[in-house]
């Protein structure tokens, strides 16, 4: 498959999941421009190297779905792909001890996404605000972010201002800024 960056939604929706089309519909409705690249399933940051190069200068994020020990509070953490998540550092900043990766059934229930497809755009499906968005401060300083449209066979480049402005306002989600240090060499 030749990787090619195109503007906007696919010409045909044939073979595409409804949740992906719903994402394009909302971005178009909000007047949020985006560029898209279709590719084989990319489930890890490492698998996205070629895709990331095409999406540059977008900050490609690791999107981690987390919860507290009791599984009563859920978080979506967006960090730069080159950083490492350290539970104790984030837990302290958000005053939620014992963060861990949330079971995938909650990911599907609240965000209608599966592992490997986690994305801030999944918040369109969290109509009851079960998920709190946590954003690494460095992500906010980027002009563009790269993310999946709720499926890991496409990736988008969007302006950060649109994601953290128009999009989040429309889906009635705020975010909390966290500081995550760069990975140590």
C-alpha atoms as a PDB file:
ATOM      1  CA  UNK A   1       0.000   0.000   0.000  1.00  0.00           C
ATOM      2  CA  UNK A   2       1.448   3.360  -1.061  1.00  0.00           C
ATOM      3  CA  UNK A   3       1.216   5.888   1.754  1.00  0.00           C
ATOM      4  CA  UNK A   4      -0.293   9.135   0.517  1.00  0.00           C
ATOM      5  CA  UNK A   5      -1.447  12.218   2.390  1.00  0.00           C
ATOM      6  CA  UNK A   6      -4.810  13.491   1.136  1.00  0.00           C
ATOM      7  CA  UNK A   7      -7.061  16.345   2.204  1.00  0.00           C
ATOM      8  CA  UNK A   8     -10.305  15.446   3.940  1.00  0.00           C
ATOM      9  CA  UNK A   9     -12.514  12.419   3.988  1.00  0.00           C
ATOM     10  CA  UNK A  10     -12.283   9.362   1.734  1.00  0.00           C
ATOM     11  CA  UNK A  11     -14.041   9.540  -1.639  1.00  0.00           C
ATOM     12  CA  UNK A  12     -15.833   6.284  -0.846  1.00  0.00           C
ATOM     13  CA  UNK A  13     -17.061   4.962   2.488  1.00  0.00           C
ATOM     14  CA  UNK A  14     -17.149   1.386   1.223  1.00  0.00           C
ATOM     15  CA  UNK A  15     -15.356  -0.932   3.652  1.00  0.00           C
ATOM     16  CA  UNK A  16     -15.066   1.767   6.325  1.00  0.00           C
ATOM     17  CA  UNK A  17     -16.529   1.415   9.800  1.00  0.00           C
ATOM     18  CA  UNK A  18     -19.419   3.618  10.849  1.00  0.00           C
ATOM     19  CA  UNK A  19     -17.404   5.090  13.748  1.00  0.00           C
ATOM     20  CA  UNK A  20     -14.718   6.281  11.315  1.00  0.00           C
ATOM     21  CA  UNK A  21     -17.305   7.906   9.030  1.00  0.00           C
ATOM     22  CA  UNK A  22     -18.967   9.499  12.082  1.00  0.00           C
ATOM     23  CA  UNK A  23     -15.601  11.082  12.920  1.00  0.00           C
ATOM     24  CA  UNK A  24     -15.219  12.586   9.429  1.00  0.00           C
ATOM     25  CA  UNK A  25     -18.832  13.787   9.525  1.00  0.00           C
ATOM     26  CA  UNK A  26     -18.241  15.662  12.777  1.00  0.00           C
ATOM     27  CA  UNK A  27     -14.948  17.210  11.679  1.00  0.00           C
ATOM     28  CA  UNK A  28     -16.611  18.379   8.446  1.00  0.00           C
ATOM     29  CA  UNK A  29     -19.657  19.700  10.344  1.00  0.00           C
ATOM     30  CA  UNK A  30     -17.378  21.706  12.655  1.00  0.00           C
ATOM     31  CA  UNK A  31     -15.379  23.070   9.721  1.00  0.00           C
ATOM     32  CA  UNK A  32     -12.173  21.490  11.024  1.00  0.00           C
ATOM     33  CA  UNK A  33      -9.757  20.852   8.149  1.00  0.00           C
ATOM     34  CA  UNK A  34      -7.701  17.671   8.259  1.00  0.00           C
ATOM     35  CA  UNK A  35      -5.340  15.641   6.179  1.00  0.00           C
ATOM     36  CA  UNK A  36      -5.601  11.848   6.096  1.00  0.00           C
ATOM     37  CA  UNK A  37      -3.381   8.929   5.317  1.00  0.00           C
ATOM     38  CA  UNK A  38      -4.737   5.388   4.936  1.00  0.00           C
ATOM     39  CA  UNK A  39      -2.449   2.510   5.910  1.00  0.00           C
ATOM     40  CA  UNK A  40      -2.248  -1.007   7.257  1.00  0.00           C
ATOM     41  CA  UNK A  41      -3.314  -1.414  10.898  1.00  0.00           C
ATOM     42  CA  UNK A  42      -0.878   0.498  13.102  1.00  0.00           C
ATOM     43  CA  UNK A  43      -1.243  -0.516  16.724  1.00  0.00           C
ATOM     44  CA  UNK A  44       1.953   0.867  18.248  1.00  0.00           C
ATOM     45  CA  UNK A  45       4.058   4.016  18.029  1.00  0.00           C
ATOM     46  CA  UNK A  46       6.865   1.928  16.481  1.00  0.00           C
ATOM     47  CA  UNK A  47       4.555   0.699  13.718  1.00  0.00           C
ATOM     48  CA  UNK A  48       3.765   4.306  12.842  1.00  0.00           C
ATOM     49  CA  UNK A  49       7.274   5.519  11.886  1.00  0.00           C
ATOM     50  CA  UNK A  50       6.600   5.840   8.132  1.00  0.00           C
ATOM     51  CA  UNK A  51       3.158   7.304   8.761  1.00  0.00           C
ATOM     52  CA  UNK A  52       4.590   9.830  11.224  1.00  0.00           C
ATOM     53  CA  UNK A  53       7.137  11.027   8.684  1.00  0.00           C
ATOM     54  CA  UNK A  54       4.334  11.809   6.231  1.00  0.00           C
ATOM     55  CA  UNK A  55       2.215  13.526   8.905  1.00  0.00           C
ATOM     56  CA  UNK A  56       5.129  15.743  10.003  1.00  0.00           C
ATOM     57  CA  UNK A  57       5.224  18.326  11.490  1.00  0.00           C
ATOM     58  CA  UNK A  58       2.353  16.879  13.530  1.00  0.00           C
ATOM     59  CA  UNK A  59       3.117  15.710  17.045  1.00  0.00           C
ATOM     60  CA  UNK A  60       2.246  12.040  17.056  1.00  0.00           C
ATOM     61  CA  UNK A  61       0.743  11.099  20.384  1.00  0.00           C
ATOM     62  CA  UNK A  62       0.650   8.004  22.480  1.00  0.00           C
ATOM     63  CA  UNK A  63      -2.917   7.825  23.668  1.00  0.00           C
ATOM     64  CA  UNK A  64      -3.203   5.814  26.850  1.00  0.00           C
ATOM     65  CA  UNK A  65      -6.509   4.737  28.355  1.00  0.00           C
ATOM     66  CA  UNK A  66      -6.100   4.639  32.135  1.00  0.00           C
ATOM     67  CA  UNK A  67      -8.160   4.174  35.276  1.00  0.00           C
ATOM     68  CA  UNK A  68      -7.846   4.263  39.034  1.00  0.00           C
ATOM     69  CA  UNK A  69      -7.615   1.016  40.996  1.00  0.00           C
ATOM     70  CA  UNK A  70     -11.360   0.928  41.704  1.00  0.00           C
ATOM     71  CA  UNK A  71     -12.167   1.433  37.988  1.00  0.00           C
ATOM     72  CA  UNK A  72     -14.399   4.378  38.883  1.00  0.00           C
ATOM     73  CA  UNK A  73     -12.355   7.130  37.206  1.00  0.00           C
ATOM     74  CA  UNK A  74     -11.117   6.901  33.628  1.00  0.00           C
ATOM     75  CA  UNK A  75      -8.535   8.983  31.825  1.00  0.00           C
ATOM     76  CA  UNK A  76      -7.291   9.423  28.289  1.00  0.00           C
ATOM     77  CA  UNK A  77      -3.669  10.568  28.392  1.00  0.00           C
ATOM     78  CA  UNK A  78      -2.125  12.190  25.311  1.00  0.00           C
ATOM     79  CA  UNK A  79       1.671  12.311  25.413  1.00  0.00           C
ATOM     80  CA  UNK A  80       4.292  12.801  22.746  1.00  0.00           C
ATOM     81  CA  UNK A  81       5.287   9.518  21.147  1.00  0.00           C
ATOM     82  CA  UNK A  82       8.896   9.902  22.282  1.00  0.00           C
ATOM     83  CA  UNK A  83       8.000  10.165  25.974  1.00  0.00           C
ATOM     84  CA  UNK A  84       7.469   7.442  28.555  1.00  0.00           C
ATOM     85  CA  UNK A  85       4.457   7.209  30.837  1.00  0.00           C
ATOM     86  CA  UNK A  86       5.411   6.959  34.497  1.00  0.00           C
ATOM     87  CA  UNK A  87       2.403   6.139  36.625  1.00  0.00           C
ATOM     88  CA  UNK A  88       3.610   7.821  39.800  1.00  0.00           C
ATOM     89  CA  UNK A  89       4.376  11.126  38.056  1.00  0.00           C
ATOM     90  CA  UNK A  90       0.950  11.446  36.459  1.00  0.00           C
ATOM     91  CA  UNK A  91      -0.899  10.050  39.483  1.00  0.00           C
ATOM     92  CA  UNK A  92       0.611  12.727  41.692  1.00  0.00           C
ATOM     93  CA  UNK A  93      -0.320  15.541  39.296  1.00  0.00           C
ATOM     94  CA  UNK A  94      -3.966  14.511  39.053  1.00  0.00           C
ATOM     95  CA  UNK A  95      -4.303  13.348  42.660  1.00  0.00           C
ATOM     96  CA  UNK A  96      -5.383   9.852  41.678  1.00  0.00           C
ATOM     97  CA  UNK A  97      -3.263   7.119  43.231  1.00  0.00           C
ATOM     98  CA  UNK A  98      -2.621   3.803  41.538  1.00  0.00           C
ATOM     99  CA  UNK A  99      -3.283   4.575  37.893  1.00  0.00           C
ATOM    100  CA  UNK A 100      -3.142   1.619  35.563  1.00  0.00           C
ATOM    101  CA  UNK A 101      -4.217   0.687  32.070  1.00  0.00           C
ATOM    102  CA  UNK A 102      -7.986   0.369  31.925  1.00  0.00           C
ATOM    103  CA  UNK A 103      -9.609  -2.865  30.741  1.00  0.00           C
ATOM    104  CA  UNK A 104     -10.481  -2.764  27.061  1.00  0.00           C
ATOM    105  CA  UNK A 105     -14.198  -3.354  27.678  1.00  0.00           C
ATOM    106  CA  UNK A 106     -14.409   0.156  29.192  1.00  0.00           C
ATOM    107  CA  UNK A 107     -12.576   1.567  26.178  1.00  0.00           C
ATOM    108  CA  UNK A 108     -15.170   0.028  23.909  1.00  0.00           C
ATOM    109  CA  UNK A 109     -18.098   0.999  26.141  1.00  0.00           C
ATOM    110  CA  UNK A 110     -17.139   4.656  26.648  1.00  0.00           C
ATOM    111  CA  UNK A 111     -15.147   5.516  23.505  1.00  0.00           C
ATOM    112  CA  UNK A 112     -16.336   2.907  20.959  1.00  0.00           C
ATOM    113  CA  UNK A 113     -12.718   2.133  20.088  1.00  0.00           C
ATOM    114  CA  UNK A 114     -10.463  -0.876  20.409  1.00  0.00           C
ATOM    115  CA  UNK A 115      -6.846  -1.165  21.578  1.00  0.00           C
ATOM    116  CA  UNK A 116      -4.468   0.311  19.038  1.00  0.00           C
ATOM    117  CA  UNK A 117      -7.077   2.834  17.911  1.00  0.00           C
ATOM    118  CA  UNK A 118      -7.197   5.029  21.016  1.00  0.00           C
ATOM    119  CA  UNK A 119      -7.573   8.671  20.051  1.00  0.00           C
ATOM    120  CA  UNK A 120      -8.805  11.972  21.410  1.00  0.00           C
ATOM    121  CA  UNK A 121     -11.413  11.773  18.636  1.00  0.00           C
ATOM    122  CA  UNK A 122     -13.011   8.854  20.496  1.00  0.00           C
ATOM    123  CA  UNK A 123     -14.407  11.442  22.914  1.00  0.00           C
ATOM    124  CA  UNK A 124     -17.244  12.004  20.402  1.00  0.00           C
ATOM    125  CA  UNK A 125     -18.639   8.743  21.774  1.00  0.00           C
ATOM    126  CA  UNK A 126     -18.270   9.682  25.472  1.00  0.00           C
ATOM    127  CA  UNK A 127     -21.543  11.586  25.699  1.00  0.00           C
ATOM    128  CA  UNK A 128     -21.806  11.094  29.471  1.00  0.00           C
ATOM    129  CA  UNK A 129     -18.280  12.370  30.196  1.00  0.00           C
ATOM    130  CA  UNK A 130     -16.898   9.222  31.797  1.00  0.00           C
ATOM    131  CA  UNK A 131     -13.405  10.081  30.542  1.00  0.00           C
ATOM    132  CA  UNK A 132     -11.150  12.889  31.744  1.00  0.00           C
ATOM    133  CA  UNK A 133      -8.660  14.050  29.117  1.00  0.00           C
ATOM    134  CA  UNK A 134      -5.067  14.558  30.292  1.00  0.00           C
ATOM    135  CA  UNK A 135      -2.695  16.303  27.902  1.00  0.00           C
ATOM    136  CA  UNK A 136       1.086  16.526  28.115  1.00  0.00           C
ATOM    137  CA  UNK A 137       1.930  20.228  28.013  1.00  0.00           C
ATOM    138  CA  UNK A 138       4.315  19.677  25.087  1.00  0.00           C
ATOM    139  CA  UNK A 139       1.428  18.414  22.948  1.00  0.00           C
ATOM    140  CA  UNK A 140      -0.369  21.716  23.488  1.00  0.00           C
ATOM    141  CA  UNK A 141       2.640  23.634  22.163  1.00  0.00           C
ATOM    142  CA  UNK A 142       2.539  21.794  18.832  1.00  0.00           C
ATOM    143  CA  UNK A 143       0.881  23.384  15.817  1.00  0.00           C
ATOM    144  CA  UNK A 144      -0.503  20.006  14.682  1.00  0.00           C
ATOM    145  CA  UNK A 145      -1.390  16.690  16.276  1.00  0.00           C
ATOM    146  CA  UNK A 146      -1.651  13.324  14.612  1.00  0.00           C
ATOM    147  CA  UNK A 147      -4.289  10.817  15.682  1.00  0.00           C
ATOM    148  CA  UNK A 148      -6.535   8.018  14.472  1.00  0.00           C
ATOM    149  CA  UNK A 149     -10.162   8.648  13.407  1.00  0.00           C
ATOM    150  CA  UNK A 150     -11.338   5.970  15.893  1.00  0.00           C
ATOM    151  CA  UNK A 151      -9.768   3.231  13.746  1.00  0.00           C
ATOM    152  CA  UNK A 152      -6.095   2.339  13.324  1.00  0.00           C
ATOM    153  CA  UNK A 153      -6.080   1.979   9.533  1.00  0.00           C
ATOM    154  CA  UNK A 154      -6.107   5.746   8.965  1.00  0.00           C
ATOM    155  CA  UNK A 155      -4.317   8.640  10.629  1.00  0.00           C
ATOM    156  CA  UNK A 156      -5.130  12.330  10.580  1.00  0.00           C
ATOM    157  CA  UNK A 157      -3.197  15.570  10.910  1.00  0.00           C
ATOM    158  CA  UNK A 158      -5.249  18.285  12.590  1.00  0.00           C
ATOM    159  CA  UNK A 159      -4.414  21.720  13.961  1.00  0.00           C
ATOM    160  CA  UNK A 160      -3.949  21.503  17.718  1.00  0.00           C
ATOM    161  CA  UNK A 161      -6.016  24.664  18.163  1.00  0.00           C
ATOM    162  CA  UNK A 162      -8.970  22.938  16.445  1.00  0.00           C
ATOM    163  CA  UNK A 163      -8.688  19.772  18.536  1.00  0.00           C
ATOM    164  CA  UNK A 164      -8.306  21.555  21.877  1.00  0.00           C
ATOM    165  CA  UNK A 165     -10.780  24.266  20.909  1.00  0.00           C
ATOM    166  CA  UNK A 166     -13.672  23.566  18.524  1.00  0.00           C
ATOM    167  CA  UNK A 167     -13.623  19.778  18.839  1.00  0.00           C
ATOM    168  CA  UNK A 168     -13.452  19.512  22.639  1.00  0.00           C
ATOM    169  CA  UNK A 169     -16.004  22.301  23.068  1.00  0.00           C
ATOM    170  CA  UNK A 170     -18.414  20.462  20.785  1.00  0.00           C
ATOM    171  CA  UNK A 171     -18.047  17.145  22.634  1.00  0.00           C
ATOM    172  CA  UNK A 172     -18.270  18.928  26.016  1.00  0.00           C
ATOM    173  CA  UNK A 173     -14.879  17.847  27.295  1.00  0.00           C
ATOM    174  CA  UNK A 174     -12.187  19.902  28.910  1.00  0.00           C
ATOM    175  CA  UNK A 175      -8.668  18.756  29.629  1.00  0.00           C
ATOM    176  CA  UNK A 176      -6.079  18.849  32.366  1.00  0.00           C
ATOM    177  CA  UNK A 177      -2.488  19.681  31.488  1.00  0.00           C
ATOM    178  CA  UNK A 178       0.200  17.368  32.879  1.00  0.00           C
ATOM    179  CA  UNK A 179       3.959  17.652  32.666  1.00  0.00           C
ATOM    180  CA  UNK A 180       5.774  14.557  31.470  1.00  0.00           C
ATOM    181  CA  UNK A 181       9.532  14.680  31.232  1.00  0.00           C
ATOM    182  CA  UNK A 182      11.319  13.511  28.110  1.00  0.00           C
ATOM    183  CA  UNK A 183      12.491   9.908  28.149  1.00  0.00           C
ATOM    184  CA  UNK A 184      15.945   9.493  29.612  1.00  0.00           C
ATOM    185  CA  UNK A 185      18.577   8.195  27.237  1.00  0.00           C
END
